[in-house]
Amino acid sequence: MFSRKRGGAKHVRAADAPPSKALADSLASGGEAPAPEFGPWDVSHAPDGVQRLDLGSLQIPAVEGVEVRVQANPEGGVEQIVLVDGESALQLGVFAAPKTEGIWDEVRAEIAEAMAADGVTPQEIDGKYGIELAARVNTPDGPADVRFVGVDGPRWMVRALYQGAAASDRAREGVLGEVLAGLVVVRDNEPRPVREPLPMRLPKEMAEQGPGNQPG
């Protein structure tokens, strides 16, 4: 299920990820949010009894059929995570955010602006987590569908980039959607600039494989 990967699925420039209901509830209640119905979860609300791949700031639930490809630097720091299921891929990122407000609206506007500069016309669509951004982009292999989803949490934001079948048809998210809904974010107490990637590391399962065992 897990593998280290030097390369990853093709992706457009990944700026970042929707003000979630969990964050809105947190702000309305003075910071104490009720447990949400589904993730991505803050670690304070994460359900027990779930097997997860621990990458530090991000924990990925083990879902049958999903391959996890992780690109790491020589020091073992994780630079990219891509989940693959058949004709679909999901690239994940997690970033620092303010405690009092979400940043997805601002980030989404910047992604749209960058796409427009490349001659791409993105569309805003309503999704499970709020407003998503979908587009057809040009790649070396021809046109490809992409869909950005974001979730604002307490002092963090998850950015998810669907590619392939799951990007063009939300009904085909399948197990990748299950993984996104089961993510757990572990935000440390270090003060960090807004949008700085939260630190992630190779889990023991992958680190033991060693560089020589990386596919691709």
C-alpha atoms as a PDB file:
ATOM      1  CA  MET A   1       0.000   0.000   0.000  1.00  0.00           C
ATOM      2  CA  PHE A   2       2.760   2.430   0.876  1.00  0.00           C
ATOM      3  CA  SER A   3       5.657   3.369  -1.361  1.00  0.00           C
ATOM      4  CA  ARG A   4       8.284   6.053  -1.677  1.00  0.00           C
ATOM      5  CA  LYS A   5       8.302   7.839  -4.995  1.00  0.00           C
ATOM      6  CA  ARG A   6      10.821  10.193  -6.568  1.00  0.00           C
ATOM      7  CA  GLY A   7       8.204  11.543  -8.937  1.00  0.00           C
ATOM      8  CA  GLY A   8       4.475  11.980  -8.527  1.00  0.00           C
ATOM      9  CA  ALA A   9       1.278  12.373 -10.466  1.00  0.00           C
ATOM     10  CA  LYS A  10       1.332  15.347 -12.811  1.00  0.00           C
ATOM     11  CA  HIS A  11      -0.190  18.379 -11.172  1.00  0.00           C
ATOM     12  CA  VAL A  12      -0.755  22.043 -11.849  1.00  0.00           C
ATOM     13  CA  ARG A  13       1.031  24.529  -9.635  1.00  0.00           C
ATOM     14  CA  ALA A  14      -0.361  23.829  -6.207  1.00  0.00           C
ATOM     15  CA  ALA A  15      -1.135  26.975  -4.323  1.00  0.00           C
ATOM     16  CA  ASP A  16      -3.386  26.092  -1.430  1.00  0.00           C
ATOM     17  CA  ALA A  17      -7.042  24.754   0.027  1.00  0.00           C
ATOM     18  CA  PRO A  18     -12.633  25.924   2.012  1.00  0.00           C
ATOM     19  CA  PRO A  19     -13.592  27.646   5.242  1.00  0.00           C
ATOM     20  CA  SER A  20     -15.024  24.563   6.861  1.00  0.00           C
ATOM     21  CA  LYS A  21     -18.052  24.305   9.088  1.00  0.00           C
ATOM     22  CA  ALA A  22     -15.776  23.138  11.881  1.00  0.00           C
ATOM     23  CA  LEU A  23     -13.802  26.377  11.774  1.00  0.00           C
ATOM     24  CA  ALA A  24     -16.941  28.496  11.566  1.00  0.00           C
ATOM     25  CA  ASP A  25     -18.378  26.703  14.597  1.00  0.00           C
ATOM     26  CA  SER A  26     -15.085  27.219  16.434  1.00  0.00           C
ATOM     27  CA  LEU A  27     -15.127  30.961  15.803  1.00  0.00           C
ATOM     28  CA  ALA A  28     -18.794  31.263  16.758  1.00  0.00           C
ATOM     29  CA  SER A  29     -18.251  29.443  20.031  1.00  0.00           C
ATOM     30  CA  GLY A  30     -15.125  31.341  21.035  1.00  0.00           C
ATOM     31  CA  GLY A  31     -12.694  28.649  19.961  1.00  0.00           C
ATOM     32  CA  GLU A  32     -14.273  25.443  21.250  1.00  0.00           C
ATOM     33  CA  ALA A  33     -15.675  23.696  18.198  1.00  0.00           C
ATOM     34  CA  PRO A  34     -18.017  20.724  18.434  1.00  0.00           C
ATOM     35  CA  ALA A  35     -16.686  17.512  16.935  1.00  0.00           C
ATOM     36  CA  PRO A  36     -17.359  17.556  13.157  1.00  0.00           C
ATOM     37  CA  GLU A  37     -19.226  14.756  11.421  1.00  0.00           C
ATOM     38  CA  PHE A  38     -16.268  13.865   9.203  1.00  0.00           C
ATOM     39  CA  GLY A  39     -12.669  14.864   8.596  1.00  0.00           C
ATOM     40  CA  PRO A  40     -10.138  16.052   7.827  1.00  0.00           C
ATOM     41  CA  TRP A  41     -10.020  16.032  11.604  1.00  0.00           C
ATOM     42  CA  ASP A  42      -7.989  18.091  13.988  1.00  0.00           C
ATOM     43  CA  VAL A  43      -6.165  15.626  16.214  1.00  0.00           C
ATOM     44  CA  SER A  44      -8.341  16.781  19.128  1.00  0.00           C
ATOM     45  CA  HIS A  45     -11.409  15.312  17.396  1.00  0.00           C
ATOM     46  CA  ALA A  46      -9.886  12.322  15.599  1.00  0.00           C
ATOM     47  CA  PRO A  47     -11.764   9.035  16.100  1.00  0.00           C
ATOM     48  CA  ASP A  48      -9.955   6.258  17.919  1.00  0.00           C
ATOM     49  CA  GLY A  49      -9.355   2.763  16.629  1.00  0.00           C
ATOM     50  CA  VAL A  50      -8.339   3.721  13.068  1.00  0.00           C
ATOM     51  CA  GLN A  51      -5.113   2.484  11.462  1.00  0.00           C
ATOM     52  CA  ARG A  52      -3.243   5.461  10.025  1.00  0.00           C
ATOM     53  CA  LEU A  53       0.067   6.161   8.327  1.00  0.00           C
ATOM     54  CA  ASP A  54       1.797   8.722  10.551  1.00  0.00           C
ATOM     55  CA  LEU A  55       3.688  11.410   8.606  1.00  0.00           C
ATOM     56  CA  GLY A  56       3.939  13.822  11.516  1.00  0.00           C
ATOM     57  CA  SER A  57       1.609  16.752  10.837  1.00  0.00           C
ATOM     58  CA  LEU A  58      -0.617  14.572   8.663  1.00  0.00           C
ATOM     59  CA  GLN A  59      -1.969  11.104   9.391  1.00  0.00           C
ATOM     60  CA  ILE A  60      -3.467   9.169   6.480  1.00  0.00           C
ATOM     61  CA  PRO A  61      -6.049   6.442   7.151  1.00  0.00           C
ATOM     62  CA  ALA A  62      -5.267   3.041   5.708  1.00  0.00           C
ATOM     63  CA  VAL A  63      -7.960   2.407   3.080  1.00  0.00           C
ATOM     64  CA  GLU A  64      -7.899  -0.749   0.993  1.00  0.00           C
ATOM     65  CA  GLY A  65      -7.100  -0.129  -2.663  1.00  0.00           C
ATOM     66  CA  VAL A  66      -5.296   3.192  -2.155  1.00  0.00           C
ATOM     67  CA  GLU A  67      -1.580   3.431  -2.924  1.00  0.00           C
ATOM     68  CA  VAL A  68       0.304   6.136  -1.031  1.00  0.00           C
ATOM     69  CA  ARG A  69       3.311   7.598  -2.865  1.00  0.00           C
ATOM     70  CA  VAL A  70       5.580   9.849  -0.859  1.00  0.00           C
ATOM     71  CA  GLN A  71       8.431  11.950  -2.213  1.00  0.00           C
ATOM     72  CA  ALA A  72      11.036  12.821   0.418  1.00  0.00           C
ATOM     73  CA  ASN A  73      14.267  14.788   0.534  1.00  0.00           C
ATOM     74  CA  PRO A  74      17.573  13.192   1.639  1.00  0.00           C
ATOM     75  CA  GLU A  75      16.898  14.270   5.235  1.00  0.00           C
ATOM     76  CA  GLY A  76      13.639  12.333   5.303  1.00  0.00           C
ATOM     77  CA  GLY A  77      11.363  15.364   5.148  1.00  0.00           C
ATOM     78  CA  VAL A  78       8.242  14.761   3.073  1.00  0.00           C
ATOM     79  CA  GLU A  79       7.901  17.074   0.065  1.00  0.00           C
ATOM     80  CA  GLN A  80       4.919  15.549  -1.734  1.00  0.00           C
ATOM     81  CA  ILE A  81       2.144  13.046  -1.034  1.00  0.00           C
ATOM     82  CA  VAL A  82       0.074  11.523  -3.830  1.00  0.00           C
ATOM     83  CA  LEU A  83      -2.623   8.890  -3.324  1.00  0.00           C
ATOM     84  CA  VAL A  84      -3.521   6.727  -6.301  1.00  0.00           C
ATOM     85  CA  ASP A  85      -6.608   4.650  -7.009  1.00  0.00           C
ATOM     86  CA  GLY A  86      -7.028   3.372 -10.549  1.00  0.00           C
ATOM     87  CA  GLU A  87      -7.491   6.314 -12.913  1.00  0.00           C
ATOM     88  CA  SER A  88      -7.631   8.877 -10.112  1.00  0.00           C
ATOM     89  CA  ALA A  89      -5.008  10.591  -7.979  1.00  0.00           C
ATOM     90  CA  LEU A  90      -5.170  12.876  -4.954  1.00  0.00           C
ATOM     91  CA  GLN A  91      -2.302  15.167  -3.990  1.00  0.00           C
ATOM     92  CA  LEU A  92      -2.317  16.373  -0.377  1.00  0.00           C
ATOM     93  CA  GLY A  93      -0.737  19.309   1.410  1.00  0.00           C
ATOM     94  CA  VAL A  94      -1.192  20.802   4.887  1.00  0.00           C
ATOM     95  CA  PHE A  95      -0.304  24.389   5.811  1.00  0.00           C
ATOM     96  CA  ALA A  96      -0.209  26.772   8.751  1.00  0.00           C
ATOM     97  CA  ALA A  97      -3.156  29.150   9.063  1.00  0.00           C
ATOM     98  CA  PRO A  98      -4.357  31.825  11.503  1.00  0.00           C
ATOM     99  CA  LYS A  99      -6.292  30.736  14.557  1.00  0.00           C
ATOM    100  CA  THR A 100      -9.135  33.173  13.943  1.00  0.00           C
ATOM    101  CA  GLU A 101      -9.873  32.834  10.228  1.00  0.00           C
ATOM    102  CA  GLY A 102      -9.628  30.508   7.260  1.00  0.00           C
ATOM    103  CA  ILE A 103      -7.487  31.192   4.222  1.00  0.00           C
ATOM    104  CA  TRP A 104      -9.093  29.074   1.499  1.00  0.00           C
ATOM    105  CA  ASP A 105     -11.084  31.919  -0.059  1.00  0.00           C
ATOM    106  CA  GLU A 106      -7.918  33.945  -0.567  1.00  0.00           C
ATOM    107  CA  VAL A 107      -5.872  30.991  -1.755  1.00  0.00           C
ATOM    108  CA  ARG A 108      -8.566  29.810  -4.140  1.00  0.00           C
ATOM    109  CA  ALA A 109      -8.659  33.249  -5.759  1.00  0.00           C
ATOM    110  CA  GLU A 110      -4.896  33.107  -6.273  1.00  0.00           C
ATOM    111  CA  ILE A 111      -5.089  29.650  -7.855  1.00  0.00           C
ATOM    112  CA  ALA A 112      -7.789  30.912 -10.220  1.00  0.00           C
ATOM    113  CA  GLU A 113      -5.685  33.942 -11.114  1.00  0.00           C
ATOM    114  CA  ALA A 114      -2.661  31.765 -11.851  1.00  0.00           C
ATOM    115  CA  MET A 115      -4.753  29.486 -14.052  1.00  0.00           C
ATOM    116  CA  ALA A 116      -6.197  32.448 -15.936  1.00  0.00           C
ATOM    117  CA  ALA A 117      -2.671  33.704 -16.608  1.00  0.00           C
ATOM    118  CA  ASP A 118      -2.001  30.357 -18.267  1.00  0.00           C
ATOM    119  CA  GLY A 119      -5.100  30.671 -20.439  1.00  0.00           C
ATOM    120  CA  VAL A 120      -7.204  28.311 -18.320  1.00  0.00           C
ATOM    121  CA  THR A 121     -10.733  29.174 -17.216  1.00  0.00           C
ATOM    122  CA  PRO A 122     -11.471  27.567 -13.837  1.00  0.00           C
ATOM    123  CA  GLN A 123     -14.971  27.122 -12.420  1.00  0.00           C
ATOM    124  CA  GLU A 124     -16.090  27.461  -8.816  1.00  0.00           C
ATOM    125  CA  ILE A 125     -18.394  24.621  -7.784  1.00  0.00           C
ATOM    126  CA  ASP A 126     -20.105  23.692  -4.515  1.00  0.00           C
ATOM    127  CA  GLY A 127     -18.706  20.580  -2.885  1.00  0.00           C
ATOM    128  CA  LYS A 128     -18.756  18.610   0.339  1.00  0.00           C
ATOM    129  CA  TYR A 129     -16.346  21.016   2.042  1.00  0.00           C
ATOM    130  CA  GLY A 130     -17.507  24.253   0.470  1.00  0.00           C
ATOM    131  CA  ILE A 131     -16.412  25.969  -2.726  1.00  0.00           C
ATOM    132  CA  GLU A 132     -14.064  23.947  -4.944  1.00  0.00           C
ATOM    133  CA  LEU A 133     -12.138  24.989  -8.031  1.00  0.00           C
ATOM    134  CA  ALA A 134     -12.259  22.839 -11.157  1.00  0.00           C
ATOM    135  CA  ALA A 135     -10.548  23.248 -14.505  1.00  0.00           C
ATOM    136  CA  ARG A 136      -9.144  21.485 -17.533  1.00  0.00           C
ATOM    137  CA  VAL A 137      -5.434  22.217 -17.833  1.00  0.00           C
ATOM    138  CA  ASN A 138      -2.832  21.513 -20.474  1.00  0.00           C
ATOM    139  CA  THR A 139      -0.133  18.970 -19.645  1.00  0.00           C
ATOM    140  CA  PRO A 140       2.658  17.394 -21.744  1.00  0.00           C
ATOM    141  CA  ASP A 141       0.298  14.439 -22.224  1.00  0.00           C
ATOM    142  CA  GLY A 142      -2.628  16.589 -23.319  1.00  0.00           C
ATOM    143  CA  PRO A 143      -5.626  18.184 -21.566  1.00  0.00           C
ATOM    144  CA  ALA A 144      -6.339  16.930 -18.044  1.00  0.00           C
ATOM    145  CA  ASP A 145      -9.024  17.645 -15.451  1.00  0.00           C
ATOM    146  CA  VAL A 146      -8.063  18.934 -11.992  1.00  0.00           C
ATOM    147  CA  ARG A 147     -10.137  19.875  -8.968  1.00  0.00           C
ATOM    148  CA  PHE A 148      -8.916  21.739  -5.889  1.00  0.00           C
ATOM    149  CA  VAL A 149     -10.615  21.096  -2.554  1.00  0.00           C
ATOM    150  CA  GLY A 150      -9.641  22.806   0.678  1.00  0.00           C
ATOM    151  CA  VAL A 151     -10.503  22.493   4.335  1.00  0.00           C
ATOM    152  CA  ASP A 152      -9.808  25.184   6.924  1.00  0.00           C
ATOM    153  CA  GLY A 153      -9.206  23.911  10.437  1.00  0.00           C
ATOM    154  CA  PRO A 154      -7.928  25.408  13.691  1.00  0.00           C
ATOM    155  CA  ARG A 155      -4.546  26.915  12.711  1.00  0.00           C
ATOM    156  CA  TRP A 156      -4.215  24.680   9.649  1.00  0.00           C
ATOM    157  CA  MET A 157      -5.499  24.201   6.134  1.00  0.00           C
ATOM    158  CA  VAL A 158      -5.567  21.022   4.077  1.00  0.00           C
ATOM    159  CA  ARG A 159      -5.281  21.382   0.319  1.00  0.00           C
ATOM    160  CA  ALA A 160      -6.408  18.449  -1.790  1.00  0.00           C
ATOM    161  CA  LEU A 161      -5.903  18.285  -5.545  1.00  0.00           C
ATOM    162  CA  TYR A 162      -7.895  15.631  -7.400  1.00  0.00           C
ATOM    163  CA  GLN A 163      -6.620  14.536 -10.794  1.00  0.00           C
ATOM    164  CA  GLY A 164      -7.984  12.148 -13.379  1.00  0.00           C
ATOM    165  CA  ALA A 165     -11.437  10.558 -13.158  1.00  0.00           C
ATOM    166  CA  ALA A 166     -12.133  11.892  -9.645  1.00  0.00           C
ATOM    167  CA  ALA A 167     -11.433  15.432 -10.853  1.00  0.00           C
ATOM    168  CA  SER A 168     -13.893  15.347 -13.716  1.00  0.00           C
ATOM    169  CA  ASP A 169     -16.639  13.502 -11.819  1.00  0.00           C
ATOM    170  CA  ARG A 170     -17.058  13.916  -8.054  1.00  0.00           C
ATOM    171  CA  ALA A 171     -19.084  10.696  -7.978  1.00  0.00           C
ATOM    172  CA  ARG A 172     -15.881   8.831  -8.873  1.00  0.00           C
ATOM    173  CA  GLU A 173     -13.870   9.976  -5.837  1.00  0.00           C
ATOM    174  CA  GLY A 174     -14.494   6.580  -4.284  1.00  0.00           C
ATOM    175  CA  VAL A 175     -11.875   5.516  -1.756  1.00  0.00           C
ATOM    176  CA  LEU A 176      -9.844   8.691  -2.310  1.00  0.00           C
ATOM    177  CA  GLY A 177     -12.773  10.649  -0.920  1.00  0.00           C
ATOM    178  CA  GLU A 178     -12.815   8.280   2.060  1.00  0.00           C
ATOM    179  CA  VAL A 179      -9.154   9.005   2.712  1.00  0.00           C
ATOM    180  CA  LEU A 180      -9.697  12.774   2.570  1.00  0.00           C
ATOM    181  CA  ALA A 181     -12.620  12.489   4.991  1.00  0.00           C
ATOM    182  CA  GLY A 182     -10.462  10.432   7.345  1.00  0.00           C
ATOM    183  CA  LEU A 183      -7.302  12.575   7.418  1.00  0.00           C
ATOM    184  CA  VAL A 184      -5.998  13.737  10.782  1.00  0.00           C
ATOM    185  CA  VAL A 185      -3.994  16.972  11.145  1.00  0.00           C
ATOM    186  CA  VAL A 186      -1.548  17.293  14.041  1.00  0.00           C
ATOM    187  CA  ARG A 187      -0.698  20.997  14.370  1.00  0.00           C
ATOM    188  CA  ASP A 188       2.268  21.664  16.646  1.00  0.00           C
ATOM    189  CA  ASN A 189       2.436  24.674  18.946  1.00  0.00           C
ATOM    190  CA  GLU A 190       5.252  26.375  17.056  1.00  0.00           C
ATOM    191  CA  PRO A 191       4.416  29.839  15.676  1.00  0.00           C
ATOM    192  CA  ARG A 192       4.596  29.584  11.901  1.00  0.00           C
ATOM    193  CA  PRO A 193       4.044  31.997   9.010  1.00  0.00           C
ATOM    194  CA  VAL A 194       0.648  31.653   7.358  1.00  0.00           C
ATOM    195  CA  ARG A 195       0.788  29.102   4.490  1.00  0.00           C
ATOM    196  CA  GLU A 196       4.052  27.576   5.602  1.00  0.00           C
ATOM    197  CA  PRO A 197       3.865  23.817   4.971  1.00  0.00           C
ATOM    198  CA  LEU A 198       3.538  21.959   8.248  1.00  0.00           C
ATOM    199  CA  PRO A 199       6.479  19.617   8.805  1.00  0.00           C
ATOM    200  CA  MET A 200       6.056  16.037   7.693  1.00  0.00           C
ATOM    201  CA  ARG A 201       8.443  13.108   7.846  1.00  0.00           C
ATOM    202  CA  LEU A 202       8.712   9.648   6.407  1.00  0.00           C
ATOM    203  CA  PRO A 203       6.979   7.103   8.616  1.00  0.00           C
ATOM    204  CA  LYS A 204       8.948   4.113   9.824  1.00  0.00           C
ATOM    205  CA  GLU A 205       7.300   1.838   7.249  1.00  0.00           C
ATOM    206  CA  MET A 206       8.742   3.879   4.378  1.00  0.00           C
ATOM    207  CA  ALA A 207      12.018   4.997   5.917  1.00  0.00           C
ATOM    208  CA  GLU A 208      13.054   1.371   6.355  1.00  0.00           C
ATOM    209  CA  GLN A 209      12.679   0.763   2.621  1.00  0.00           C
ATOM    210  CA  GLY A 210      15.653   3.033   1.934  1.00  0.00           C
ATOM    211  CA  PRO A 211      16.339   5.118  -1.171  1.00  0.00           C
ATOM    212  CA  GLY A 212      17.318   2.061  -3.174  1.00  0.00           C
ATOM    213  CA  ASN A 213      13.815   0.674  -2.894  1.00  0.00           C
ATOM    214  CA  GLN A 214      12.014   3.684  -4.270  1.00  0.00           C
ATOM    215  CA  PRO A 215      10.020   2.897  -7.401  1.00  0.00           C
ATOM    216  CA  GLY A 216      10.355   5.192 -10.378  1.00  0.00           C
END
